[in-house]
Amino acid sequence: MSTLQDIPDLQRQVEEALDTMRPYLEADGGSVRLVDITAEGVVELELLGACETCPMSSMTLRAGIEQAVKRSVPQITRVEAVNV
């Protein structure tokens, strides 16, 4: 399967966008890890720590993480959690 994660600059940009959100996630005992960037521009993330079981994780994913990533990296079309 072809992925966009093979493009180092794109991966770096996504990681930088995630870095802006990590302090907020870590403040509540959670974090996030980049798993893949698909050929369709979908960022696949693994939610870690408290984020794995938090009932608000889907809201955090859409309203926080996805918006930050899409604002920083326009090529990204969607952000999905692979472990929710």
PDB file of N, CA and C in Angstrom:
ATOM      1  N   MET A   1       0.843  -1.200   0.000  1.00  0.00           N
ATOM      2  CA  MET A   1       0.000   0.000   0.000  1.00  0.00           C
ATOM      3  C   MET A   1       0.878   1.249   0.000  1.00  0.00           C
ATOM      4  N   SER A   2       0.592   2.164  -0.847  1.00  0.00           N
ATOM      5  CA  SER A   2       1.349   3.402  -0.945  1.00  0.00           C
ATOM      6  C   SER A   2       0.914   4.359   0.161  1.00  0.00           C
ATOM      7  N   THR A   3       1.898   4.993   0.794  1.00  0.00           N
ATOM      8  CA  THR A   3       1.577   5.949   1.841  1.00  0.00           C
ATOM      9  C   THR A   3       2.319   7.253   1.603  1.00  0.00           C
ATOM     10  N   LEU A   4       1.790   8.305   2.174  1.00  0.00           N
ATOM     11  CA  LEU A   4       2.451   9.606   2.091  1.00  0.00           C
ATOM     12  C   LEU A   4       3.493   9.759   3.186  1.00  0.00           C
ATOM     13  N   GLN A   5       3.497   8.831   4.146  1.00  0.00           N
ATOM     14  CA  GLN A   5       4.460   8.921   5.241  1.00  0.00           C
ATOM     15  C   GLN A   5       5.889   8.787   4.723  1.00  0.00           C
ATOM     16  N   ASP A   6       6.061   8.223   3.532  1.00  0.00           N
ATOM     17  CA  ASP A   6       7.381   8.080   2.943  1.00  0.00           C
ATOM     18  C   ASP A   6       7.973   9.420   2.523  1.00  0.00           C
ATOM     19  N   ILE A   7       7.190  10.447   2.522  1.00  0.00           N
ATOM     20  CA  ILE A   7       7.672  11.782   2.184  1.00  0.00           C
ATOM     21  C   ILE A   7       8.114  12.441   3.488  1.00  0.00           C
ATOM     22  N   PRO A   8       9.425  12.510   3.732  1.00  0.00           N
ATOM     23  CA  PRO A   8       9.934  12.971   5.037  1.00  0.00           C
ATOM     24  C   PRO A   8       9.415  14.346   5.450  1.00  0.00           C
ATOM     25  N   ASP A   9       9.321  15.277   4.514  1.00  0.00           N
ATOM     26  CA  ASP A   9       8.871  16.617   4.880  1.00  0.00           C
ATOM     27  C   ASP A   9       7.430  16.611   5.366  1.00  0.00           C
ATOM     28  N   LEU A  10       6.592  15.816   4.723  1.00  0.00           N
ATOM     29  CA  LEU A  10       5.193  15.727   5.132  1.00  0.00           C
ATOM     30  C   LEU A  10       5.080  15.109   6.524  1.00  0.00           C
ATOM     31  N   GLN A  11       5.827  14.069   6.765  1.00  0.00           N
ATOM     32  CA  GLN A  11       5.816  13.434   8.081  1.00  0.00           C
ATOM     33  C   GLN A  11       6.299  14.417   9.148  1.00  0.00           C
ATOM     34  N   ARG A  12       7.344  15.158   8.847  1.00  0.00           N
ATOM     35  CA  ARG A  12       7.861  16.148   9.795  1.00  0.00           C
ATOM     36  C   ARG A  12       6.813  17.215  10.099  1.00  0.00           C
ATOM     37  N   GLN A  13       6.103  17.682   9.060  1.00  0.00           N
ATOM     38  CA  GLN A  13       5.070  18.699   9.262  1.00  0.00           C
ATOM     39  C   GLN A  13       3.938  18.176  10.144  1.00  0.00           C
ATOM     40  N   VAL A  14       3.536  16.932   9.922  1.00  0.00           N
ATOM     41  CA  VAL A  14       2.469  16.347  10.748  1.00  0.00           C
ATOM     42  C   VAL A  14       2.953  16.215  12.188  1.00  0.00           C
ATOM     43  N   GLU A  15       4.179  15.742  12.380  1.00  0.00           N
ATOM     44  CA  GLU A  15       4.730  15.615  13.738  1.00  0.00           C
ATOM     45  C   GLU A  15       4.791  16.976  14.430  1.00  0.00           C
ATOM     46  N   GLU A  16       5.165  18.009  13.696  1.00  0.00           N
ATOM     47  CA  GLU A  16       5.215  19.349  14.277  1.00  0.00           C
ATOM     48  C   GLU A  16       3.821  19.818  14.692  1.00  0.00           C
ATOM     49  N   ALA A  17       2.824  19.528  13.877  1.00  0.00           N
ATOM     50  CA  ALA A  17       1.447  19.887  14.238  1.00  0.00           C
ATOM     51  C   ALA A  17       1.003  19.112  15.463  1.00  0.00           C
ATOM     52  N   LEU A  18       1.348  17.830  15.527  1.00  0.00           N
ATOM     53  CA  LEU A  18       1.001  17.027  16.699  1.00  0.00           C
ATOM     54  C   LEU A  18       1.712  17.549  17.948  1.00  0.00           C
ATOM     55  N   ASP A  19       2.941  18.020  17.778  1.00  0.00           N
ATOM     56  CA  ASP A  19       3.693  18.564  18.911  1.00  0.00           C
ATOM     57  C   ASP A  19       2.986  19.759  19.548  1.00  0.00           C
ATOM     58  N   THR A  20       2.208  20.498  18.760  1.00  0.00           N
ATOM     59  CA  THR A  20       1.478  21.634  19.336  1.00  0.00           C
ATOM     60  C   THR A  20       0.336  21.160  20.229  1.00  0.00           C
ATOM     61  N   MET A  21      -0.151  19.943  19.981  1.00  0.00           N
ATOM     62  CA  MET A  21      -1.274  19.404  20.759  1.00  0.00           C
ATOM     63  C   MET A  21      -0.821  18.541  21.936  1.00  0.00           C
ATOM     64  N   ARG A  22       0.367  17.977  21.860  1.00  0.00           N
ATOM     65  CA  ARG A  22       0.830  17.026  22.882  1.00  0.00           C
ATOM     66  C   ARG A  22       0.828  17.588  24.298  1.00  0.00           C
ATOM     67  N   PRO A  23       1.232  18.840  24.530  1.00  0.00           N
ATOM     68  CA  PRO A  23       1.199  19.343  25.915  1.00  0.00           C
ATOM     69  C   PRO A  23      -0.200  19.302  26.538  1.00  0.00           C
ATOM     70  N   TYR A  24      -1.211  19.558  25.743  1.00  0.00           N
ATOM     71  CA  TYR A  24      -2.583  19.529  26.249  1.00  0.00           C
ATOM     72  C   TYR A  24      -3.003  18.094  26.564  1.00  0.00           C
ATOM     73  N   LEU A  25      -2.629  17.166  25.695  1.00  0.00           N
ATOM     74  CA  LEU A  25      -2.956  15.759  25.922  1.00  0.00           C
ATOM     75  C   LEU A  25      -2.202  15.224  27.132  1.00  0.00           C
ATOM     76  N   GLU A  26      -0.930  15.579  27.244  1.00  0.00           N
ATOM     77  CA  GLU A  26      -0.104  15.109  28.351  1.00  0.00           C
ATOM     78  C   GLU A  26      -0.575  15.668  29.687  1.00  0.00           C
ATOM     79  N   ALA A  27      -1.143  16.864  29.677  1.00  0.00           N
ATOM     80  CA  ALA A  27      -1.658  17.457  30.911  1.00  0.00           C
ATOM     81  C   ALA A  27      -2.773  16.607  31.508  1.00  0.00           C
ATOM     82  N   ASP A  28      -3.461  15.837  30.660  1.00  0.00           N
ATOM     83  CA  ASP A  28      -4.530  14.963  31.128  1.00  0.00           C
ATOM     84  C   ASP A  28      -4.106  13.499  31.144  1.00  0.00           C
ATOM     85  N   GLY A  29      -2.800  13.250  31.021  1.00  0.00           N
ATOM     86  CA  GLY A  29      -2.302  11.885  31.115  1.00  0.00           C
ATOM     87  C   GLY A  29      -2.327  11.095  29.820  1.00  0.00           C
ATOM     88  N   GLY A  30      -2.432  11.775  28.696  1.00  0.00           N
ATOM     89  CA  GLY A  30      -2.496  11.072  27.415  1.00  0.00           C
ATOM     90  C   GLY A  30      -1.433  11.550  26.454  1.00  0.00           C
ATOM     91  N   SER A  31      -1.463  10.990  25.275  1.00  0.00           N
ATOM     92  CA  SER A  31      -0.570  11.403  24.202  1.00  0.00           C
ATOM     93  C   SER A  31      -1.066  10.798  22.897  1.00  0.00           C
ATOM     94  N   VAL A  32      -0.290  10.969  21.845  1.00  0.00           N
ATOM     95  CA  VAL A  32      -0.668  10.489  20.528  1.00  0.00           C
ATOM     96  C   VAL A  32       0.607  10.112  19.772  1.00  0.00           C
ATOM     97  N   ARG A  33       0.507   9.078  18.937  1.00  0.00           N
ATOM     98  CA  ARG A  33       1.646   8.624  18.129  1.00  0.00           C
ATOM     99  C   ARG A  33       1.208   8.499  16.683  1.00  0.00           C
ATOM    100  N   LEU A  34       2.009   9.047  15.776  1.00  0.00           N
ATOM    101  CA  LEU A  34       1.742   8.940  14.344  1.00  0.00           C
ATOM    102  C   LEU A  34       2.024   7.514  13.898  1.00  0.00           C
ATOM    103  N   VAL A  35       1.024   6.873  13.297  1.00  0.00           N
ATOM    104  CA  VAL A  35       1.169   5.511  12.803  1.00  0.00           C
ATOM    105  C   VAL A  35       1.466   5.529  11.309  1.00  0.00           C
ATOM    106  N   ASP A  36       0.669   6.290  10.550  1.00  0.00           N
ATOM    107  CA  ASP A  36       0.826   6.287   9.101  1.00  0.00           C
ATOM    108  C   ASP A  36       0.152   7.517   8.513  1.00  0.00           C
ATOM    109  N   ILE A  37       0.526   7.820   7.293  1.00  0.00           N
ATOM    110  CA  ILE A  37      -0.169   8.811   6.477  1.00  0.00           C
ATOM    111  C   ILE A  37      -0.485   8.086   5.176  1.00  0.00           C
ATOM    112  N   THR A  38      -1.764   7.885   4.895  1.00  0.00           N
ATOM    113  CA  THR A  38      -2.148   7.104   3.719  1.00  0.00           C
ATOM    114  C   THR A  38      -2.008   7.924   2.445  1.00  0.00           C
ATOM    115  N   ALA A  39      -2.092   7.223   1.335  1.00  0.00           N
ATOM    116  CA  ALA A  39      -2.012   7.884   0.025  1.00  0.00           C
ATOM    117  C   ALA A  39      -3.162   8.857  -0.182  1.00  0.00           C
ATOM    118  N   GLU A  40      -4.252   8.653   0.533  1.00  0.00           N
ATOM    119  CA  GLU A  40      -5.416   9.543   0.430  1.00  0.00           C
ATOM    120  C   GLU A  40      -5.290  10.758   1.333  1.00  0.00           C
ATOM    121  N   GLY A  41      -4.187  10.874   2.067  1.00  0.00           N
ATOM    122  CA  GLY A  41      -3.987  12.019   2.948  1.00  0.00           C
ATOM    123  C   GLY A  41      -4.621  11.864   4.301  1.00  0.00           C
ATOM    124  N   VAL A  42      -4.870  10.634   4.720  1.00  0.00           N
ATOM    125  CA  VAL A  42      -5.451  10.370   6.037  1.00  0.00           C
ATOM    126  C   VAL A  42      -4.323  10.079   7.019  1.00  0.00           C
ATOM    127  N   VAL A  43      -4.297  10.828   8.106  1.00  0.00           N
ATOM    128  CA  VAL A  43      -3.328  10.592   9.168  1.00  0.00           C
ATOM    129  C   VAL A  43      -3.925   9.563  10.117  1.00  0.00           C
ATOM    130  N   GLU A  44      -3.189   8.488  10.333  1.00  0.00           N
ATOM    131  CA  GLU A  44      -3.621   7.450  11.276  1.00  0.00           C
ATOM    132  C   GLU A  44      -2.785   7.599  12.544  1.00  0.00           C
ATOM    133  N   LEU A  45      -3.487   7.751  13.658  1.00  0.00           N
ATOM    134  CA  LEU A  45      -2.844   7.972  14.946  1.00  0.00           C
ATOM    135  C   LEU A  45      -3.210   6.878  15.926  1.00  0.00           C
ATOM    136  N   GLU A  46      -2.321   6.675  16.882  1.00  0.00           N
ATOM    137  CA  GLU A  46      -2.629   5.815  18.013  1.00  0.00           C
ATOM    138  C   GLU A  46      -2.765   6.716  19.225  1.00  0.00           C
ATOM    139  N   LEU A  47      -3.899   6.645  19.891  1.00  0.00           N
ATOM    140  CA  LEU A  47      -4.101   7.396  21.116  1.00  0.00           C
ATOM    141  C   LEU A  47      -3.467   6.614  22.256  1.00  0.00           C
ATOM    142  N   LEU A  48      -2.743   7.311  23.114  1.00  0.00           N
ATOM    143  CA  LEU A  48      -1.986   6.667  24.173  1.00  0.00           C
ATOM    144  C   LEU A  48      -2.431   7.154  25.550  1.00  0.00           C
ATOM    145  N   GLY A  49      -2.141   6.346  26.564  1.00  0.00           N
ATOM    146  CA  GLY A  49      -2.430   6.736  27.942  1.00  0.00           C
ATOM    147  C   GLY A  49      -3.910   6.955  28.170  1.00  0.00           C
ATOM    148  N   ALA A  50      -4.216   8.034  28.862  1.00  0.00           N
ATOM    149  CA  ALA A  50      -5.604   8.336  29.205  1.00  0.00           C
ATOM    150  C   ALA A  50      -6.465   8.579  27.971  1.00  0.00           C
ATOM    151  N   CYS A  51      -5.857   8.959  26.867  1.00  0.00           N
ATOM    152  CA  CYS A  51      -6.619   9.219  25.638  1.00  0.00           C
ATOM    153  C   CYS A  51      -7.254   7.948  25.079  1.00  0.00           C
ATOM    154  N   GLU A  52      -6.668   6.789  25.381  1.00  0.00           N
ATOM    155  CA  GLU A  52      -7.207   5.532  24.859  1.00  0.00           C
ATOM    156  C   GLU A  52      -8.617   5.259  25.359  1.00  0.00           C
ATOM    157  N   THR A  53      -8.883   5.611  26.611  1.00  0.00           N
ATOM    158  CA  THR A  53     -10.160   5.265  27.230  1.00  0.00           C
ATOM    159  C   THR A  53     -11.044   6.467  27.538  1.00  0.00           C
ATOM    160  N   CYS A  54     -10.576   7.637  27.210  1.00  0.00           N
ATOM    161  CA  CYS A  54     -11.339   8.847  27.524  1.00  0.00           C
ATOM    162  C   CYS A  54     -12.610   8.927  26.679  1.00  0.00           C
ATOM    163  N   PRO A  55     -13.759   9.181  27.305  1.00  0.00           N
ATOM    164  CA  PRO A  55     -14.993   9.297  26.536  1.00  0.00           C
ATOM    165  C   PRO A  55     -15.018  10.525  25.619  1.00  0.00           C
ATOM    166  N   MET A  56     -14.135  11.472  25.849  1.00  0.00           N
ATOM    167  CA  MET A  56     -14.081  12.680  25.030  1.00  0.00           C
ATOM    168  C   MET A  56     -13.028  12.581  23.920  1.00  0.00           C
ATOM    169  N   SER A  57     -12.394  11.418  23.757  1.00  0.00           N
ATOM    170  CA  SER A  57     -11.293  11.300  22.807  1.00  0.00           C
ATOM    171  C   SER A  57     -11.727  11.589  21.367  1.00  0.00           C
ATOM    172  N   SER A  58     -12.927  11.191  20.990  1.00  0.00           N
ATOM    173  CA  SER A  58     -13.362  11.463  19.611  1.00  0.00           C
ATOM    174  C   SER A  58     -13.549  12.960  19.387  1.00  0.00           C
ATOM    175  N   MET A  59     -14.005  13.666  20.392  1.00  0.00           N
ATOM    176  CA  MET A  59     -14.158  15.120  20.281  1.00  0.00           C
ATOM    177  C   MET A  59     -12.779  15.786  20.221  1.00  0.00           C
ATOM    178  N   THR A  60     -11.865  15.323  21.045  1.00  0.00           N
ATOM    179  CA  THR A  60     -10.502  15.853  21.024  1.00  0.00           C
ATOM    180  C   THR A  60      -9.854  15.600  19.670  1.00  0.00           C
ATOM    181  N   LEU A  61     -10.099  14.428  19.126  1.00  0.00           N
ATOM    182  CA  LEU A  61      -9.528  14.065  17.829  1.00  0.00           C
ATOM    183  C   LEU A  61     -10.033  14.994  16.735  1.00  0.00           C
ATOM    184  N   ARG A  62     -11.341  15.227  16.679  1.00  0.00           N
ATOM    185  CA  ARG A  62     -11.940  16.051  15.613  1.00  0.00           C
ATOM    186  C   ARG A  62     -11.704  17.549  15.825  1.00  0.00           C
ATOM    187  N   ALA A  63     -12.039  18.034  17.014  1.00  0.00           N
ATOM    188  CA  ALA A  63     -12.017  19.480  17.251  1.00  0.00           C
ATOM    189  C   ALA A  63     -10.621  20.016  17.564  1.00  0.00           C
ATOM    190  N   GLY A  64      -9.735  19.148  18.042  1.00  0.00           N
ATOM    191  CA  GLY A  64      -8.407  19.610  18.405  1.00  0.00           C
ATOM    192  C   GLY A  64      -7.331  19.126  17.459  1.00  0.00           C
ATOM    193  N   ILE A  65      -7.065  17.839  17.508  1.00  0.00           N
ATOM    194  CA  ILE A  65      -5.949  17.272  16.754  1.00  0.00           C
ATOM    195  C   ILE A  65      -6.148  17.418  15.255  1.00  0.00           C
ATOM    196  N   GLU A  66      -7.303  17.015  14.741  1.00  0.00           N
ATOM    197  CA  GLU A  66      -7.531  17.087  13.301  1.00  0.00           C
ATOM    198  C   GLU A  66      -7.441  18.520  12.784  1.00  0.00           C
ATOM    199  N   GLN A  67      -8.020  19.451  13.500  1.00  0.00           N
ATOM    200  CA  GLN A  67      -7.986  20.839  13.054  1.00  0.00           C
ATOM    201  C   GLN A  67      -6.572  21.391  13.039  1.00  0.00           C
ATOM    202  N   ALA A  68      -5.777  21.047  14.060  1.00  0.00           N
ATOM    203  CA  ALA A  68      -4.391  21.522  14.125  1.00  0.00           C
ATOM    204  C   ALA A  68      -3.569  20.947  12.977  1.00  0.00           C
ATOM    205  N   VAL A  69      -3.759  19.663  12.698  1.00  0.00           N
ATOM    206  CA  VAL A  69      -2.997  19.017  11.626  1.00  0.00           C
ATOM    207  C   VAL A  69      -3.411  19.573  10.266  1.00  0.00           C
ATOM    208  N   LYS A  70      -4.700  19.666  10.011  1.00  0.00           N
ATOM    209  CA  LYS A  70      -5.172  20.149   8.707  1.00  0.00           C
ATOM    210  C   LYS A  70      -4.801  21.615   8.475  1.00  0.00           C
ATOM    211  N   ARG A  71      -4.779  22.401   9.543  1.00  0.00           N
ATOM    212  CA  ARG A  71      -4.397  23.815   9.412  1.00  0.00           C
ATOM    213  C   ARG A  71      -2.909  23.926   9.047  1.00  0.00           C
ATOM    214  N   SER A  72      -2.079  23.067   9.627  1.00  0.00           N
ATOM    215  CA  SER A  72      -0.636  23.109   9.376  1.00  0.00           C
ATOM    216  C   SER A  72      -0.219  22.392   8.101  1.00  0.00           C
ATOM    217  N   VAL A  73      -0.968  21.347   7.734  1.00  0.00           N
ATOM    218  CA  VAL A  73      -0.598  20.510   6.589  1.00  0.00           C
ATOM    219  C   VAL A  73      -1.831  20.345   5.700  1.00  0.00           C
ATOM    220  N   PRO A  74      -2.041  21.256   4.756  1.00  0.00           N
ATOM    221  CA  PRO A  74      -3.256  21.244   3.931  1.00  0.00           C
ATOM    222  C   PRO A  74      -3.468  19.968   3.106  1.00  0.00           C
ATOM    223  N   GLN A  75      -2.406  19.198   2.863  1.00  0.00           N
ATOM    224  CA  GLN A  75      -2.539  17.963   2.092  1.00  0.00           C
ATOM    225  C   GLN A  75      -3.308  16.884   2.860  1.00  0.00           C
ATOM    226  N   ILE A  76      -3.434  17.062   4.166  1.00  0.00           N
ATOM    227  CA  ILE A  76      -4.121  16.075   4.996  1.00  0.00           C
ATOM    228  C   ILE A  76      -5.626  16.283   4.869  1.00  0.00           C
ATOM    229  N   THR A  77      -6.336  15.191   4.618  1.00  0.00           N
ATOM    230  CA  THR A  77      -7.783  15.264   4.436  1.00  0.00           C
ATOM    231  C   THR A  77      -8.566  14.871   5.681  1.00  0.00           C
ATOM    232  N   ARG A  78      -7.974  14.023   6.521  1.00  0.00           N
ATOM    233  CA  ARG A  78      -8.689  13.510   7.693  1.00  0.00           C
ATOM    234  C   ARG A  78      -7.677  12.951   8.688  1.00  0.00           C
ATOM    235  N   VAL A  79      -8.078  12.891   9.956  1.00  0.00           N
ATOM    236  CA  VAL A  79      -7.275  12.273  10.995  1.00  0.00           C
ATOM    237  C   VAL A  79      -8.126  11.193  11.654  1.00  0.00           C
ATOM    238  N   GLU A  80      -7.583   9.996  11.763  1.00  0.00           N
ATOM    239  CA  GLU A  80      -8.300   8.850  12.339  1.00  0.00           C
ATOM    240  C   GLU A  80      -7.455   8.221  13.439  1.00  0.00           C
ATOM    241  N   ALA A  81      -8.122   7.745  14.472  1.00  0.00           N
ATOM    242  CA  ALA A  81      -7.461   6.963  15.513  1.00  0.00           C
ATOM    243  C   ALA A  81      -7.615   5.499  15.151  1.00  0.00           C
ATOM    244  N   VAL A  82      -6.517   4.766  15.145  1.00  0.00           N
ATOM    245  CA  VAL A  82      -6.566   3.363  14.744  1.00  0.00           C
ATOM    246  C   VAL A  82      -6.902   2.430  15.917  1.00  0.00           C
ATOM    247  N   ASN A  83      -6.889   2.955  17.131  1.00  0.00           N
ATOM    248  CA  ASN A  83      -7.129   2.103  18.295  1.00  0.00           C
ATOM    249  C   ASN A  83      -8.366   2.514  19.096  1.00  0.00           C
ATOM    250  N   VAL A  84      -9.311   3.168  18.461  1.00  0.00           N
ATOM    251  CA  VAL A  84     -10.547   3.568  19.162  1.00  0.00           C
ATOM    252  C   VAL A  84     -11.700   2.721  18.647  1.00  0.00           C
TER     253      VAL A  84
END
